[in-house]
N, C-alpha and C. Protein backbone atom coordinates (compact mmCIF):
# COMPACT_ATOMS: atom_id res chain seq x y z
N MET A 1 74.82 189.08 212.60
CA MET A 1 73.86 189.82 211.78
C MET A 1 74.16 191.31 211.94
N THR A 2 74.04 192.06 210.88
CA THR A 2 74.29 193.49 210.94
C THR A 2 72.99 194.25 211.12
N ARG A 3 73.11 195.53 211.43
CA ARG A 3 71.93 196.37 211.57
C ARG A 3 71.25 196.57 210.22
N ALA A 4 69.98 196.93 210.25
CA ALA A 4 69.20 197.12 209.01
C ALA A 4 69.88 198.14 208.11
N GLY A 5 69.95 197.80 206.84
CA GLY A 5 70.50 198.72 205.86
C GLY A 5 72.01 198.71 205.76
N HIS A 6 72.68 197.99 206.62
CA HIS A 6 74.13 197.93 206.56
C HIS A 6 74.55 196.61 205.96
N HIS A 7 75.77 196.54 205.53
CA HIS A 7 76.20 195.35 204.81
C HIS A 7 77.15 194.50 205.64
N ALA A 8 77.18 193.27 205.30
CA ALA A 8 78.19 192.34 205.79
C ALA A 8 78.95 191.88 204.56
N SER A 9 80.11 192.45 204.35
CA SER A 9 80.83 192.25 203.10
C SER A 9 81.55 190.91 203.07
N ARG A 10 81.37 190.21 201.95
CA ARG A 10 82.12 188.97 201.72
C ARG A 10 83.31 189.23 200.82
N SER A 11 83.33 190.38 200.17
CA SER A 11 84.40 190.65 199.21
C SER A 11 85.36 191.72 199.70
N GLY A 12 85.15 192.25 200.89
CA GLY A 12 86.03 193.29 201.40
C GLY A 12 85.66 194.66 200.89
N SER A 13 84.63 194.78 200.09
CA SER A 13 84.19 196.06 199.54
C SER A 13 83.43 196.83 200.60
N ASP A 14 83.36 198.15 200.45
CA ASP A 14 82.64 198.95 201.44
C ASP A 14 81.33 199.50 200.88
N HIS A 15 80.75 198.83 199.90
CA HIS A 15 79.46 199.25 199.35
C HIS A 15 78.38 199.06 200.40
N GLN A 16 77.34 199.87 200.32
CA GLN A 16 76.26 199.77 201.29
C GLN A 16 74.94 200.01 200.59
N VAL A 17 73.93 199.24 200.94
CA VAL A 17 72.58 199.41 200.40
C VAL A 17 71.74 200.00 201.51
N THR A 18 71.10 201.13 201.25
CA THR A 18 70.27 201.76 202.27
C THR A 18 68.96 202.24 201.66
N ARG A 19 67.93 202.24 202.46
CA ARG A 19 66.62 202.81 202.15
C ARG A 19 65.90 202.19 200.95
N LEU A 20 66.33 201.07 200.48
CA LEU A 20 65.63 200.38 199.41
C LEU A 20 64.50 199.58 200.03
N ARG A 21 63.30 199.73 199.50
CA ARG A 21 62.16 198.97 200.01
C ARG A 21 61.47 198.30 198.85
N THR A 22 60.72 197.28 199.18
CA THR A 22 59.91 196.60 198.19
C THR A 22 58.69 196.04 198.91
N ARG A 23 57.79 195.48 198.15
CA ARG A 23 56.58 194.88 198.73
C ARG A 23 56.78 193.38 198.91
N CYS A 24 56.18 192.85 199.96
CA CYS A 24 56.21 191.42 200.21
C CYS A 24 55.44 190.72 199.09
N PRO A 25 56.00 189.66 198.51
CA PRO A 25 55.30 188.97 197.44
C PRO A 25 54.07 188.20 197.92
N HIS A 26 53.93 188.00 199.24
CA HIS A 26 52.79 187.26 199.76
C HIS A 26 51.64 188.16 200.20
N CYS A 27 51.94 189.17 201.04
CA CYS A 27 50.84 189.98 201.59
C CYS A 27 50.82 191.41 201.05
N ASN A 28 51.83 191.80 200.26
CA ASN A 28 51.93 193.12 199.65
C ASN A 28 52.23 194.25 200.65
N ALA A 29 52.58 193.90 201.89
CA ALA A 29 53.00 194.92 202.86
C ALA A 29 54.43 195.35 202.52
N TRP A 30 54.84 196.50 203.06
CA TRP A 30 56.20 196.95 202.83
C TRP A 30 57.17 196.00 203.53
N ALA A 31 58.32 195.81 202.92
CA ALA A 31 59.39 195.01 203.50
C ALA A 31 60.66 195.86 203.53
N ARG A 32 61.52 195.59 204.49
CA ARG A 32 62.76 196.35 204.57
C ARG A 32 63.96 195.40 204.52
N ILE A 33 65.09 195.97 204.17
CA ILE A 33 66.32 195.20 204.13
C ILE A 33 66.83 195.05 205.56
N ARG A 34 67.05 193.82 205.96
CA ARG A 34 67.61 193.55 207.28
C ARG A 34 69.13 193.41 207.19
N THR A 35 69.61 192.84 206.11
CA THR A 35 71.04 192.63 205.93
C THR A 35 71.34 192.64 204.43
N SER A 36 72.51 193.12 204.07
CA SER A 36 72.95 193.00 202.69
C SER A 36 74.35 192.41 202.68
N TYR A 37 74.60 191.56 201.70
CA TYR A 37 75.88 190.89 201.55
C TYR A 37 76.47 191.25 200.20
N VAL A 38 77.57 191.99 200.21
CA VAL A 38 78.25 192.35 198.97
C VAL A 38 79.05 191.13 198.53
N ILE A 39 78.62 190.53 197.43
CA ILE A 39 79.28 189.35 196.90
C ILE A 39 80.43 189.77 195.98
N THR A 40 80.14 190.69 195.07
CA THR A 40 81.16 191.29 194.20
C THR A 40 80.82 192.77 194.09
N ALA A 41 81.65 193.53 193.41
CA ALA A 41 81.38 194.96 193.21
C ALA A 41 80.11 195.19 192.40
N LEU A 42 79.66 194.16 191.67
CA LEU A 42 78.49 194.31 190.80
C LEU A 42 77.29 193.50 191.27
N TYR A 43 77.43 192.76 192.38
CA TYR A 43 76.34 191.88 192.81
C TYR A 43 76.23 191.88 194.33
N THR A 44 75.03 192.17 194.83
CA THR A 44 74.76 192.19 196.27
C THR A 44 73.51 191.38 196.55
N GLU A 45 73.54 190.60 197.61
CA GLU A 45 72.35 189.87 198.06
C GLU A 45 71.71 190.64 199.21
N LEU A 46 70.39 190.74 199.17
CA LEU A 46 69.62 191.51 200.15
C LEU A 46 68.67 190.58 200.90
N ARG A 47 68.68 190.65 202.21
CA ARG A 47 67.76 189.86 203.03
C ARG A 47 66.61 190.79 203.44
N PHE A 48 65.42 190.55 202.89
CA PHE A 48 64.24 191.36 203.17
C PHE A 48 63.41 190.73 204.27
N GLU A 49 62.73 191.58 205.03
CA GLU A 49 61.82 191.14 206.08
C GLU A 49 60.50 191.90 205.93
N CYS A 50 59.41 191.16 205.80
CA CYS A 50 58.08 191.76 205.70
C CYS A 50 57.76 192.49 206.99
N GLN A 51 57.18 193.68 206.87
CA GLN A 51 56.82 194.48 208.04
C GLN A 51 55.48 194.10 208.63
N ASN A 52 54.75 193.22 207.96
CA ASN A 52 53.46 192.73 208.46
C ASN A 52 53.75 191.58 209.42
N ASP A 53 53.56 191.81 210.72
CA ASP A 53 53.84 190.78 211.72
C ASP A 53 53.02 189.52 211.50
N ALA A 54 51.82 189.67 210.95
CA ALA A 54 50.97 188.50 210.70
C ALA A 54 51.53 187.64 209.57
N CYS A 55 52.34 188.23 208.69
CA CYS A 55 52.92 187.50 207.56
C CYS A 55 54.27 186.89 207.96
N GLY A 56 55.21 187.75 208.31
CA GLY A 56 56.52 187.29 208.77
C GLY A 56 57.45 186.74 207.71
N HIS A 57 57.13 186.94 206.44
CA HIS A 57 57.97 186.40 205.36
C HIS A 57 59.35 187.06 205.36
N ILE A 58 60.39 186.25 205.24
CA ILE A 58 61.77 186.71 205.09
C ILE A 58 62.33 186.04 203.85
N TRP A 59 62.96 186.82 202.98
CA TRP A 59 63.48 186.24 201.74
C TRP A 59 64.77 186.93 201.31
N LEU A 60 65.47 186.26 200.42
CA LEU A 60 66.71 186.75 199.86
C LEU A 60 66.45 187.21 198.44
N ALA A 61 66.92 188.40 198.12
CA ALA A 61 66.80 188.96 196.77
C ALA A 61 68.20 189.39 196.32
N SER A 62 68.32 189.77 195.06
CA SER A 62 69.62 190.20 194.56
C SER A 62 69.53 191.57 193.91
N LEU A 63 70.64 192.27 193.97
CA LEU A 63 70.79 193.57 193.32
C LEU A 63 72.03 193.47 192.45
N GLU A 64 71.85 193.66 191.15
CA GLU A 64 72.96 193.47 190.21
C GLU A 64 73.08 194.67 189.28
N VAL A 65 74.31 195.11 189.06
CA VAL A 65 74.58 196.15 188.07
C VAL A 65 74.52 195.48 186.70
N LEU A 66 73.62 195.96 185.83
CA LEU A 66 73.42 195.33 184.52
C LEU A 66 74.15 196.04 183.40
N ARG A 67 74.03 197.36 183.33
CA ARG A 67 74.67 198.10 182.25
C ARG A 67 74.79 199.57 182.65
N THR A 68 75.66 200.27 181.97
CA THR A 68 75.91 201.68 182.22
C THR A 68 75.01 202.52 181.33
N LEU A 69 74.35 203.49 181.93
CA LEU A 69 73.53 204.43 181.16
C LEU A 69 74.31 205.72 180.88
N CYS A 70 75.13 206.13 181.83
CA CYS A 70 75.98 207.30 181.68
C CYS A 70 77.34 206.93 182.27
N PRO A 71 78.40 206.90 181.48
CA PRO A 71 79.71 206.45 181.98
C PRO A 71 80.23 207.31 183.13
N SER A 72 80.99 206.67 184.00
CA SER A 72 81.60 207.34 185.14
C SER A 72 82.71 208.28 184.68
N ASP A 73 82.85 209.41 185.37
CA ASP A 73 83.98 210.30 185.11
C ASP A 73 85.23 209.82 185.85
N THR A 74 85.06 208.86 186.75
CA THR A 74 86.18 208.28 187.49
C THR A 74 86.07 206.76 187.47
N PRO A 75 86.16 206.15 186.30
CA PRO A 75 85.94 204.71 186.19
C PRO A 75 87.00 203.89 186.92
N ASN A 76 86.57 202.77 187.45
CA ASN A 76 87.47 201.81 188.08
C ASN A 76 87.96 200.88 186.97
N PRO A 77 89.25 200.85 186.68
CA PRO A 77 89.74 200.02 185.58
C PRO A 77 89.52 198.52 185.80
N GLU A 78 89.26 198.12 187.03
CA GLU A 78 89.03 196.70 187.32
C GLU A 78 87.58 196.28 187.10
N ILE A 79 86.69 197.24 186.88
CA ILE A 79 85.26 196.96 186.73
C ILE A 79 84.86 197.14 185.27
N GLN A 80 84.24 196.14 184.71
CA GLN A 80 83.76 196.18 183.33
C GLN A 80 82.24 196.07 183.34
N ILE A 81 81.57 197.17 183.01
CA ILE A 81 80.10 197.21 182.94
C ILE A 81 79.74 197.56 181.50
N PRO A 82 78.93 196.75 180.84
CA PRO A 82 78.58 197.06 179.45
C PRO A 82 77.78 198.36 179.34
N LEU A 83 78.01 199.08 178.26
CA LEU A 83 77.22 200.27 177.96
C LEU A 83 75.85 199.83 177.47
N ARG A 84 74.86 200.68 177.69
CA ARG A 84 73.52 200.35 177.18
C ARG A 84 73.58 200.20 175.68
N ALA A 85 72.76 199.33 175.18
CA ALA A 85 72.72 199.09 173.73
C ALA A 85 72.10 200.29 173.05
N GLN A 86 72.73 200.74 171.99
CA GLN A 86 72.16 201.82 171.20
C GLN A 86 71.07 201.25 170.32
N ARG A 87 69.97 201.95 170.22
CA ARG A 87 68.88 201.49 169.36
C ARG A 87 69.29 201.64 167.90
N ALA A 88 69.10 200.58 167.16
CA ALA A 88 69.40 200.64 165.73
C ALA A 88 68.30 201.42 165.04
N PRO A 89 68.68 202.30 164.12
CA PRO A 89 67.63 203.03 163.38
C PRO A 89 66.76 202.05 162.61
N SER A 90 65.49 202.34 162.56
CA SER A 90 64.59 201.43 161.84
C SER A 90 64.89 201.49 160.35
N GLU A 91 64.58 200.41 159.68
CA GLU A 91 64.81 200.37 158.23
C GLU A 91 63.98 201.44 157.54
N ASN A 92 62.78 201.70 158.05
CA ASN A 92 61.93 202.72 157.44
C ASN A 92 62.55 204.10 157.56
N ALA A 93 63.16 204.38 158.71
CA ALA A 93 63.76 205.69 158.92
C ALA A 93 64.92 205.89 157.95
N MET A 94 65.66 204.82 157.65
CA MET A 94 66.77 204.94 156.71
C MET A 94 66.27 205.01 155.27
N ALA A 95 65.18 204.35 154.97
CA ALA A 95 64.65 204.32 153.60
C ALA A 95 63.97 205.63 153.24
N GLU A 96 63.37 206.31 154.20
CA GLU A 96 62.63 207.54 153.91
C GLU A 96 63.48 208.61 153.25
N PRO A 97 64.69 208.94 153.78
CA PRO A 97 65.49 209.97 153.11
C PRO A 97 65.86 209.59 151.67
N ALA A 98 66.17 208.32 151.43
CA ALA A 98 66.50 207.88 150.06
C ALA A 98 65.30 208.03 149.15
N ALA A 99 64.11 207.69 149.64
CA ALA A 99 62.90 207.83 148.84
C ALA A 99 62.62 209.29 148.55
N MET A 100 62.89 210.17 149.52
CA MET A 100 62.65 211.59 149.32
C MET A 100 63.63 212.15 148.29
N ARG A 101 64.90 211.69 148.34
CA ARG A 101 65.89 212.16 147.36
C ARG A 101 65.51 211.70 145.95
N ALA A 102 65.02 210.48 145.83
CA ALA A 102 64.63 209.93 144.52
C ALA A 102 63.44 210.69 143.96
N ALA A 103 62.53 211.12 144.83
CA ALA A 103 61.33 211.82 144.38
C ALA A 103 61.65 213.26 144.00
N GLY A 104 62.69 213.82 144.61
CA GLY A 104 62.97 215.23 144.43
C GLY A 104 63.88 215.48 143.33
């Protein structure tokens, strides 16, 4: 077992999860990461431990990279992360300028 906040890598990566906290789903007390396991560059499993001694809940959660909001200036060519979806303009927004041109 590794120290709190440090990782035990299964993929040879040196990623590390630190200072992430969440609430226990049972007693709502703060929980901390006891161990993290880097499965891939985009997926890490986190072992949480409830800080409420009376509860004692320990569970496994996941942390996954879902999409890019701002592209990296130094991208890794081996990593493919989808860009966030652009919002399609509403049909009303497109129809309004045409209606204004027709009226004018």
